[in-house]
N, C-alpha and C. Protein backbone atom coordinates (compact mmCIF):
# COMPACT_ATOMS: atom_id res chain seq x y z
N MET A 1 -23.45 14.54 77.03
CA MET A 1 -24.74 14.78 77.62
C MET A 1 -24.93 13.81 78.79
N ILE A 2 -25.43 14.31 79.89
CA ILE A 2 -25.61 13.51 81.10
C ILE A 2 -27.07 13.12 81.22
N ASP A 3 -27.30 11.85 81.50
CA ASP A 3 -28.66 11.37 81.74
C ASP A 3 -29.07 11.81 83.13
N PHE A 4 -29.99 12.76 83.21
CA PHE A 4 -30.37 13.34 84.49
C PHE A 4 -31.01 12.34 85.44
N ARG A 5 -31.52 11.24 84.94
CA ARG A 5 -32.16 10.25 85.80
C ARG A 5 -31.17 9.42 86.59
N LYS A 6 -29.92 9.46 86.21
CA LYS A 6 -28.90 8.67 86.88
C LYS A 6 -28.04 9.49 87.83
N ILE A 7 -28.36 10.75 88.00
CA ILE A 7 -27.60 11.61 88.90
C ILE A 7 -28.06 11.35 90.33
N ASP A 8 -27.11 11.14 91.22
CA ASP A 8 -27.41 10.95 92.64
C ASP A 8 -27.57 12.33 93.27
N VAL A 9 -28.81 12.77 93.41
CA VAL A 9 -29.06 14.11 93.94
C VAL A 9 -28.76 14.21 95.43
N ASP A 10 -28.72 13.07 96.13
CA ASP A 10 -28.43 13.10 97.56
C ASP A 10 -27.01 13.55 97.85
N GLN A 11 -26.12 13.43 96.88
CA GLN A 11 -24.75 13.87 97.12
C GLN A 11 -24.66 15.38 97.28
N TYR A 12 -25.67 16.11 96.82
CA TYR A 12 -25.67 17.56 96.93
C TYR A 12 -26.44 18.05 98.15
N ASP A 13 -27.08 17.13 98.87
CA ASP A 13 -27.89 17.49 100.03
C ASP A 13 -27.10 17.18 101.30
N ASP A 14 -26.80 18.24 102.07
CA ASP A 14 -26.04 18.06 103.32
C ASP A 14 -26.84 17.31 104.38
N GLU A 15 -28.15 17.35 104.27
CA GLU A 15 -29.00 16.73 105.30
C GLU A 15 -29.53 15.36 104.88
N ALA A 16 -29.01 14.80 103.81
CA ALA A 16 -29.46 13.49 103.34
C ALA A 16 -29.02 12.42 104.34
N LEU A 17 -29.91 11.47 104.58
CA LEU A 17 -29.61 10.38 105.50
C LEU A 17 -28.88 9.27 104.76
N LEU A 18 -27.83 8.82 105.35
CA LEU A 18 -27.08 7.69 104.82
C LEU A 18 -27.47 6.44 105.59
N GLU A 19 -27.23 5.28 105.00
CA GLU A 19 -27.55 4.03 105.69
C GLU A 19 -26.77 3.92 107.00
N SER A 20 -25.56 4.44 107.01
CA SER A 20 -24.75 4.39 108.23
C SER A 20 -25.35 5.26 109.35
N ASP A 21 -26.15 6.26 108.97
CA ASP A 21 -26.82 7.09 109.97
C ASP A 21 -28.03 6.37 110.58
N LEU A 22 -28.61 5.46 109.83
CA LEU A 22 -29.84 4.80 110.26
C LEU A 22 -29.59 3.49 111.00
N VAL A 23 -28.57 2.77 110.60
CA VAL A 23 -28.30 1.45 111.15
C VAL A 23 -26.85 1.41 111.61
N GLU A 24 -26.65 0.94 112.82
CA GLU A 24 -25.28 0.80 113.32
C GLU A 24 -24.64 -0.42 112.67
N PRO A 25 -23.48 -0.24 112.04
CA PRO A 25 -22.85 -1.38 111.36
C PRO A 25 -22.34 -2.41 112.37
N ASP A 26 -22.25 -3.63 111.89
CA ASP A 26 -21.73 -4.72 112.71
C ASP A 26 -20.24 -4.48 112.94
N ALA A 27 -19.82 -4.59 114.18
CA ALA A 27 -18.43 -4.31 114.54
C ALA A 27 -17.48 -5.42 114.11
N ARG A 28 -18.03 -6.62 113.87
CA ARG A 28 -17.18 -7.75 113.49
C ARG A 28 -16.73 -7.62 112.04
N PRO A 29 -15.55 -8.10 111.72
CA PRO A 29 -15.11 -8.11 110.31
C PRO A 29 -15.94 -9.11 109.51
N PRO A 30 -16.08 -8.89 108.20
CA PRO A 30 -16.89 -9.80 107.37
C PRO A 30 -16.48 -11.27 107.46
N ALA A 31 -15.20 -11.54 107.59
CA ALA A 31 -14.75 -12.93 107.70
C ALA A 31 -15.28 -13.59 108.98
N GLN A 32 -15.31 -12.83 110.07
CA GLN A 32 -15.82 -13.35 111.34
C GLN A 32 -17.33 -13.57 111.26
N ILE A 33 -18.04 -12.65 110.60
CA ILE A 33 -19.49 -12.79 110.44
C ILE A 33 -19.79 -14.07 109.66
N LEU A 34 -19.04 -14.31 108.59
CA LEU A 34 -19.24 -15.51 107.77
C LEU A 34 -18.90 -16.77 108.55
N ALA A 35 -17.83 -16.75 109.32
CA ALA A 35 -17.44 -17.91 110.12
C ALA A 35 -18.52 -18.23 111.16
N ASP A 36 -19.07 -17.19 111.78
CA ASP A 36 -20.15 -17.39 112.76
C ASP A 36 -21.39 -17.99 112.10
N ALA A 37 -21.70 -17.51 110.89
CA ALA A 37 -22.87 -18.03 110.17
C ALA A 37 -22.68 -19.49 109.78
N LYS A 38 -21.48 -19.86 109.38
CA LYS A 38 -21.21 -21.26 109.02
C LYS A 38 -21.29 -22.17 110.25
N ALA A 39 -20.78 -21.69 111.37
CA ALA A 39 -20.87 -22.47 112.61
C ALA A 39 -22.33 -22.64 113.03
N LYS A 40 -23.10 -21.57 112.89
CA LYS A 40 -24.52 -21.64 113.23
C LYS A 40 -25.25 -22.60 112.31
N SER A 41 -24.88 -22.60 111.04
CA SER A 41 -25.50 -23.49 110.06
C SER A 41 -25.23 -24.95 110.41
N THR A 42 -24.01 -25.25 110.84
CA THR A 42 -23.66 -26.60 111.25
C THR A 42 -24.44 -27.02 112.48
N GLU A 43 -24.56 -26.10 113.43
CA GLU A 43 -25.34 -26.37 114.65
C GLU A 43 -26.79 -26.64 114.31
N VAL A 44 -27.34 -25.86 113.39
CA VAL A 44 -28.75 -26.01 113.00
C VAL A 44 -28.99 -27.36 112.35
N ARG A 45 -28.09 -27.77 111.50
CA ARG A 45 -28.25 -29.08 110.84
C ARG A 45 -28.23 -30.22 111.85
N GLY A 46 -27.39 -30.10 112.87
CA GLY A 46 -27.37 -31.10 113.93
C GLY A 46 -28.67 -31.13 114.72
N LEU A 47 -29.23 -29.96 114.99
CA LEU A 47 -30.49 -29.89 115.72
C LEU A 47 -31.64 -30.46 114.89
N ILE A 48 -31.61 -30.23 113.59
CA ILE A 48 -32.65 -30.78 112.71
C ILE A 48 -32.57 -32.30 112.71
N GLN A 49 -31.38 -32.85 112.65
CA GLN A 49 -31.22 -34.30 112.63
C GLN A 49 -31.72 -34.93 113.93
N ARG A 50 -31.62 -34.19 115.03
CA ARG A 50 -32.13 -34.69 116.31
C ARG A 50 -33.62 -34.43 116.48
N GLY A 51 -34.25 -33.75 115.53
CA GLY A 51 -35.68 -33.49 115.59
C GLY A 51 -36.04 -32.28 116.44
N ASP A 52 -35.10 -31.42 116.72
CA ASP A 52 -35.34 -30.24 117.55
C ASP A 52 -35.52 -29.01 116.67
N ALA A 53 -36.68 -28.92 116.02
CA ALA A 53 -36.96 -27.79 115.13
C ALA A 53 -37.05 -26.49 115.91
N LYS A 54 -37.59 -26.55 117.11
CA LYS A 54 -37.72 -25.34 117.94
C LYS A 54 -36.34 -24.78 118.27
N GLY A 55 -35.42 -25.62 118.70
CA GLY A 55 -34.06 -25.18 119.01
C GLY A 55 -33.32 -24.70 117.78
N ALA A 56 -33.53 -25.38 116.66
CA ALA A 56 -32.87 -24.99 115.42
C ALA A 56 -33.35 -23.62 114.95
N LEU A 57 -34.66 -23.40 115.07
CA LEU A 57 -35.22 -22.11 114.66
C LEU A 57 -34.72 -20.98 115.56
N ALA A 58 -34.67 -21.24 116.85
CA ALA A 58 -34.15 -20.23 117.79
C ALA A 58 -32.68 -19.93 117.52
N ALA A 59 -31.91 -20.96 117.18
CA ALA A 59 -30.48 -20.77 116.93
C ALA A 59 -30.23 -19.96 115.66
N VAL A 60 -30.98 -20.25 114.62
CA VAL A 60 -30.75 -19.56 113.35
C VAL A 60 -31.22 -18.11 113.40
N LEU A 61 -32.21 -17.82 114.23
CA LEU A 61 -32.74 -16.46 114.30
C LEU A 61 -31.98 -15.58 115.30
N ALA A 62 -31.15 -16.17 116.12
CA ALA A 62 -30.38 -15.40 117.09
C ALA A 62 -29.21 -14.71 116.39
N ASP A 63 -29.05 -13.44 116.64
CA ASP A 63 -27.91 -12.66 116.14
C ASP A 63 -27.78 -12.76 114.62
N ALA A 64 -28.82 -12.31 113.93
CA ALA A 64 -28.82 -12.35 112.47
C ALA A 64 -27.80 -11.38 111.89
N PRO A 65 -27.11 -11.78 110.81
CA PRO A 65 -26.14 -10.88 110.18
C PRO A 65 -26.85 -9.81 109.36
N TYR A 66 -26.51 -8.55 109.60
CA TYR A 66 -27.12 -7.43 108.89
C TYR A 66 -26.07 -6.67 108.12
N GLY A 67 -26.49 -6.05 107.04
CA GLY A 67 -25.62 -5.15 106.30
C GLY A 67 -25.05 -5.74 105.04
N ALA A 68 -24.51 -4.85 104.21
CA ALA A 68 -23.94 -5.26 102.93
C ALA A 68 -22.68 -6.10 103.11
N GLN A 69 -21.93 -5.85 104.18
CA GLN A 69 -20.69 -6.60 104.40
C GLN A 69 -20.97 -8.04 104.82
N ALA A 70 -22.21 -8.35 105.12
CA ALA A 70 -22.56 -9.69 105.59
C ALA A 70 -23.40 -10.47 104.57
N ALA A 71 -23.25 -10.15 103.29
CA ALA A 71 -24.07 -10.80 102.26
C ALA A 71 -23.86 -12.31 102.22
N ASP A 72 -22.62 -12.76 102.30
CA ASP A 72 -22.34 -14.20 102.28
C ASP A 72 -22.90 -14.88 103.52
N ALA A 73 -22.77 -14.23 104.66
CA ALA A 73 -23.29 -14.79 105.91
C ALA A 73 -24.81 -14.87 105.86
N THR A 74 -25.44 -13.87 105.26
CA THR A 74 -26.90 -13.88 105.13
C THR A 74 -27.35 -15.03 104.26
N SER A 75 -26.64 -15.28 103.17
CA SER A 75 -26.99 -16.40 102.29
C SER A 75 -26.83 -17.74 103.00
N THR A 76 -25.77 -17.87 103.79
CA THR A 76 -25.54 -19.09 104.55
C THR A 76 -26.64 -19.31 105.58
N THR A 77 -27.01 -18.23 106.27
CA THR A 77 -28.07 -18.32 107.27
C THR A 77 -29.41 -18.62 106.62
N LEU A 78 -29.68 -18.01 105.47
CA LEU A 78 -30.92 -18.29 104.75
C LEU A 78 -30.99 -19.76 104.35
N GLY A 79 -29.88 -20.32 103.91
CA GLY A 79 -29.85 -21.75 103.56
C GLY A 79 -30.16 -22.63 104.75
N ALA A 80 -29.61 -22.29 105.91
CA ALA A 80 -29.89 -23.06 107.12
C ALA A 80 -31.36 -22.94 107.51
N LEU A 81 -31.90 -21.73 107.38
CA LEU A 81 -33.31 -21.52 107.71
C LEU A 81 -34.21 -22.31 106.76
N LEU A 82 -33.86 -22.34 105.49
CA LEU A 82 -34.67 -23.11 104.54
C LEU A 82 -34.63 -24.60 104.86
N ASP A 83 -33.51 -25.09 105.37
CA ASP A 83 -33.45 -26.49 105.80
C ASP A 83 -34.47 -26.75 106.91
N ILE A 84 -34.57 -25.80 107.84
CA ILE A 84 -35.55 -25.94 108.93
C ILE A 84 -36.96 -25.90 108.39
N LEU A 85 -37.24 -24.91 107.54
CA LEU A 85 -38.60 -24.73 107.03
C LEU A 85 -39.04 -25.93 106.20
N ASN A 86 -38.12 -26.48 105.42
CA ASN A 86 -38.47 -27.64 104.58
C ASN A 86 -38.65 -28.92 105.39
N SER A 87 -38.00 -29.01 106.54
CA SER A 87 -38.09 -30.24 107.33
C SER A 87 -39.22 -30.22 108.35
N THR A 88 -39.94 -29.12 108.44
CA THR A 88 -41.01 -28.98 109.44
C THR A 88 -42.36 -29.32 108.81
N LYS A 89 -43.15 -30.10 109.53
CA LYS A 89 -44.50 -30.41 109.07
C LYS A 89 -45.36 -29.16 109.15
N SER A 90 -46.29 -29.02 108.21
CA SER A 90 -47.14 -27.83 108.19
C SER A 90 -48.02 -27.72 109.43
N SER A 91 -48.34 -28.84 110.04
CA SER A 91 -49.16 -28.81 111.25
C SER A 91 -48.38 -28.30 112.47
N ASP A 92 -47.06 -28.32 112.41
CA ASP A 92 -46.23 -27.87 113.53
C ASP A 92 -45.81 -26.41 113.44
N ILE A 93 -46.07 -25.78 112.31
CA ILE A 93 -45.57 -24.42 112.07
C ILE A 93 -46.14 -23.43 113.08
N ALA A 94 -47.45 -23.43 113.28
CA ALA A 94 -48.08 -22.45 114.17
C ALA A 94 -47.53 -22.55 115.59
N GLY A 95 -47.32 -23.76 116.07
CA GLY A 95 -46.78 -23.94 117.42
C GLY A 95 -45.36 -23.42 117.53
N LEU A 96 -44.55 -23.65 116.50
CA LEU A 96 -43.17 -23.15 116.51
C LEU A 96 -43.14 -21.62 116.49
N VAL A 97 -44.01 -21.03 115.68
CA VAL A 97 -44.03 -19.57 115.57
C VAL A 97 -44.52 -18.93 116.87
N ARG A 98 -45.46 -19.57 117.54
CA ARG A 98 -45.96 -19.02 118.82
C ARG A 98 -44.87 -18.97 119.89
N ASN A 99 -43.94 -19.90 119.84
CA ASN A 99 -42.86 -19.96 120.83
C ASN A 99 -41.76 -18.94 120.60
N LEU A 100 -41.80 -18.23 119.47
CA LEU A 100 -40.79 -17.24 119.17
C LEU A 100 -41.13 -15.90 119.82
N SER A 101 -40.09 -15.14 120.17
CA SER A 101 -40.31 -13.78 120.68
C SER A 101 -40.69 -12.88 119.49
N ILE A 102 -41.12 -11.68 119.78
CA ILE A 102 -41.50 -10.74 118.72
C ILE A 102 -40.31 -10.45 117.81
N ASP A 103 -39.14 -10.26 118.40
CA ASP A 103 -37.94 -9.99 117.59
C ASP A 103 -37.60 -11.17 116.69
N GLU A 104 -37.74 -12.37 117.22
CA GLU A 104 -37.47 -13.57 116.42
C GLU A 104 -38.50 -13.72 115.30
N GLN A 105 -39.75 -13.40 115.58
CA GLN A 105 -40.78 -13.44 114.54
C GLN A 105 -40.47 -12.44 113.44
N ASP A 106 -40.03 -11.24 113.83
CA ASP A 106 -39.68 -10.23 112.84
C ASP A 106 -38.48 -10.68 111.99
N THR A 107 -37.49 -11.27 112.63
CA THR A 107 -36.32 -11.76 111.89
C THR A 107 -36.72 -12.88 110.94
N LEU A 108 -37.60 -13.76 111.39
CA LEU A 108 -38.09 -14.83 110.52
C LEU A 108 -38.80 -14.24 109.31
N MET A 109 -39.61 -13.21 109.53
CA MET A 109 -40.32 -12.57 108.42
C MET A 109 -39.32 -11.94 107.44
N LYS A 110 -38.25 -11.35 107.95
CA LYS A 110 -37.22 -10.78 107.07
C LYS A 110 -36.61 -11.85 106.18
N TYR A 111 -36.31 -13.00 106.78
CA TYR A 111 -35.74 -14.08 105.99
C TYR A 111 -36.74 -14.65 105.00
N ILE A 112 -38.00 -14.69 105.37
CA ILE A 112 -39.02 -15.17 104.44
C ILE A 112 -39.08 -14.25 103.23
N TYR A 113 -39.08 -12.94 103.46
CA TYR A 113 -39.09 -12.00 102.34
C TYR A 113 -37.81 -12.10 101.51
N LYS A 114 -36.68 -12.30 102.18
CA LYS A 114 -35.41 -12.48 101.47
C LYS A 114 -35.49 -13.71 100.56
N GLY A 115 -36.05 -14.80 101.08
CA GLY A 115 -36.20 -16.01 100.28
C GLY A 115 -37.18 -15.85 99.14
N LEU A 116 -38.27 -15.12 99.39
CA LEU A 116 -39.23 -14.88 98.32
C LEU A 116 -38.65 -13.99 97.23
N GLY A 117 -37.70 -13.15 97.58
CA GLY A 117 -37.03 -12.30 96.60
C GLY A 117 -35.97 -13.04 95.81
N SER A 118 -35.74 -14.29 96.14
CA SER A 118 -34.74 -15.11 95.44
C SER A 118 -35.42 -16.34 94.87
N PRO A 119 -36.11 -16.19 93.73
CA PRO A 119 -36.87 -17.33 93.18
C PRO A 119 -36.00 -18.51 92.77
N GLU A 120 -34.69 -18.27 92.59
CA GLU A 120 -33.81 -19.37 92.19
C GLU A 120 -33.67 -20.42 93.29
N LEU A 121 -34.07 -20.07 94.52
CA LEU A 121 -34.02 -21.04 95.61
C LEU A 121 -35.08 -22.12 95.46
N GLY A 122 -36.17 -21.80 94.79
CA GLY A 122 -37.22 -22.77 94.54
C GLY A 122 -38.02 -23.16 95.77
N ALA A 123 -38.10 -22.28 96.74
CA ALA A 123 -38.80 -22.61 97.99
C ALA A 123 -40.00 -21.70 98.22
N SER A 124 -40.55 -21.13 97.16
CA SER A 124 -41.62 -20.16 97.32
C SER A 124 -42.86 -20.74 98.00
N ALA A 125 -43.23 -21.97 97.67
CA ALA A 125 -44.42 -22.58 98.27
C ALA A 125 -44.24 -22.75 99.78
N VAL A 126 -43.07 -23.21 100.18
CA VAL A 126 -42.79 -23.40 101.61
C VAL A 126 -42.79 -22.04 102.32
N LEU A 127 -42.13 -21.07 101.71
CA LEU A 127 -42.04 -19.74 102.31
C LEU A 127 -43.41 -19.08 102.44
N LEU A 128 -44.26 -19.27 101.43
CA LEU A 128 -45.60 -18.70 101.51
C LEU A 128 -46.43 -19.36 102.61
N GLY A 129 -46.26 -20.66 102.80
CA GLY A 129 -46.95 -21.35 103.89
C GLY A 129 -46.51 -20.82 105.24
N TRP A 130 -45.21 -20.63 105.42
CA TRP A 130 -44.70 -20.07 106.68
C TRP A 130 -45.15 -18.63 106.86
N HIS A 131 -45.20 -17.88 105.76
CA HIS A 131 -45.65 -16.48 105.83
C HIS A 131 -47.09 -16.42 106.32
N GLU A 132 -47.91 -17.31 105.80
CA GLU A 132 -49.33 -17.35 106.20
C GLU A 132 -49.45 -17.64 107.70
N LYS A 133 -48.76 -18.66 108.18
CA LYS A 133 -48.85 -19.03 109.60
C LYS A 133 -48.25 -17.94 110.49
N LEU A 134 -47.15 -17.36 110.06
CA LEU A 134 -46.52 -16.30 110.85
C LEU A 134 -47.42 -15.08 110.93
N THR A 135 -48.09 -14.73 109.86
CA THR A 135 -49.00 -13.60 109.87
C THR A 135 -50.22 -13.89 110.74
N GLU A 136 -50.69 -15.12 110.75
CA GLU A 136 -51.81 -15.48 111.62
C GLU A 136 -51.44 -15.32 113.09
N VAL A 137 -50.24 -15.72 113.45
CA VAL A 137 -49.80 -15.67 114.85
C VAL A 137 -49.35 -14.27 115.25
N ALA A 138 -48.50 -13.65 114.44
CA ALA A 138 -47.88 -12.38 114.80
C ALA A 138 -48.71 -11.17 114.36
N GLY A 139 -49.64 -11.38 113.46
CA GLY A 139 -50.46 -10.27 112.98
C GLY A 139 -49.75 -9.47 111.90
N THR A 140 -50.46 -8.48 111.40
CA THR A 140 -49.87 -7.66 110.34
C THR A 140 -48.83 -6.69 110.88
N GLY A 141 -48.79 -6.51 112.19
CA GLY A 141 -47.77 -5.66 112.79
C GLY A 141 -46.38 -6.16 112.49
N CYS A 142 -46.22 -7.46 112.39
CA CYS A 142 -44.93 -8.07 112.05
C CYS A 142 -44.49 -7.61 110.66
N ILE A 143 -45.40 -7.59 109.72
CA ILE A 143 -45.09 -7.15 108.36
C ILE A 143 -44.69 -5.68 108.36
N VAL A 144 -45.44 -4.87 109.08
CA VAL A 144 -45.15 -3.43 109.14
C VAL A 144 -43.79 -3.17 109.77
N ARG A 145 -43.48 -3.87 110.85
CA ARG A 145 -42.17 -3.68 111.50
C ARG A 145 -41.02 -4.07 110.58
N VAL A 146 -41.21 -5.14 109.82
CA VAL A 146 -40.15 -5.59 108.90
C VAL A 146 -39.98 -4.59 107.76
N MET A 147 -41.08 -4.10 107.23
CA MET A 147 -40.99 -3.16 106.11
C MET A 147 -40.41 -1.81 106.50
N THR A 148 -40.57 -1.43 107.73
CA THR A 148 -40.07 -0.12 108.17
C THR A 148 -38.69 -0.19 108.83
N ASP A 149 -38.22 -1.39 109.10
CA ASP A 149 -36.90 -1.56 109.71
C ASP A 149 -35.83 -1.38 108.64
N HIS A 150 -34.82 -0.60 108.92
CA HIS A 150 -33.76 -0.34 107.96
C HIS A 150 -32.69 -1.42 107.93
N ARG A 151 -32.72 -2.31 108.91
CA ARG A 151 -31.76 -3.42 108.92
C ARG A 151 -32.28 -4.50 107.98
N ARG A 152 -31.50 -4.83 106.99
CA ARG A 152 -31.88 -5.85 106.01
C ARG A 152 -30.98 -7.06 106.14
N VAL A 153 -31.61 -8.23 106.06
CA VAL A 153 -30.83 -9.46 106.08
C VAL A 153 -30.46 -9.83 104.66
């Protein structure tokens, strides 16, 4: 007997949308994506040590790894971003967020949601504080764009 709730009905639909139809996959091999993320993480740590949170935030949000093949790179990038978020004073958050472009704000929101979905990181309080400031600056449009974007970090 087959459990009808576990049948993938999309396999029988010729017009079903696949993730590959919605999002263009990254052309780089997974090993290259991970190597780029590790290099970016090292760069970010150096910028944090020099007190350049603005530069570190811009560096980590540039060219975010997307897709299932980039899961390790996404985790590495999320770790680097959490280093930035944890080292930033709460009074400086709004100014940093204002200096970001709309795309960078959206990418930051994606990483915030990714971090909130991983409670084992233990950074929920920090992420919620950044979410509040980012929503104040970018508005609810940022949330809507992130929720409707098919590219996931």
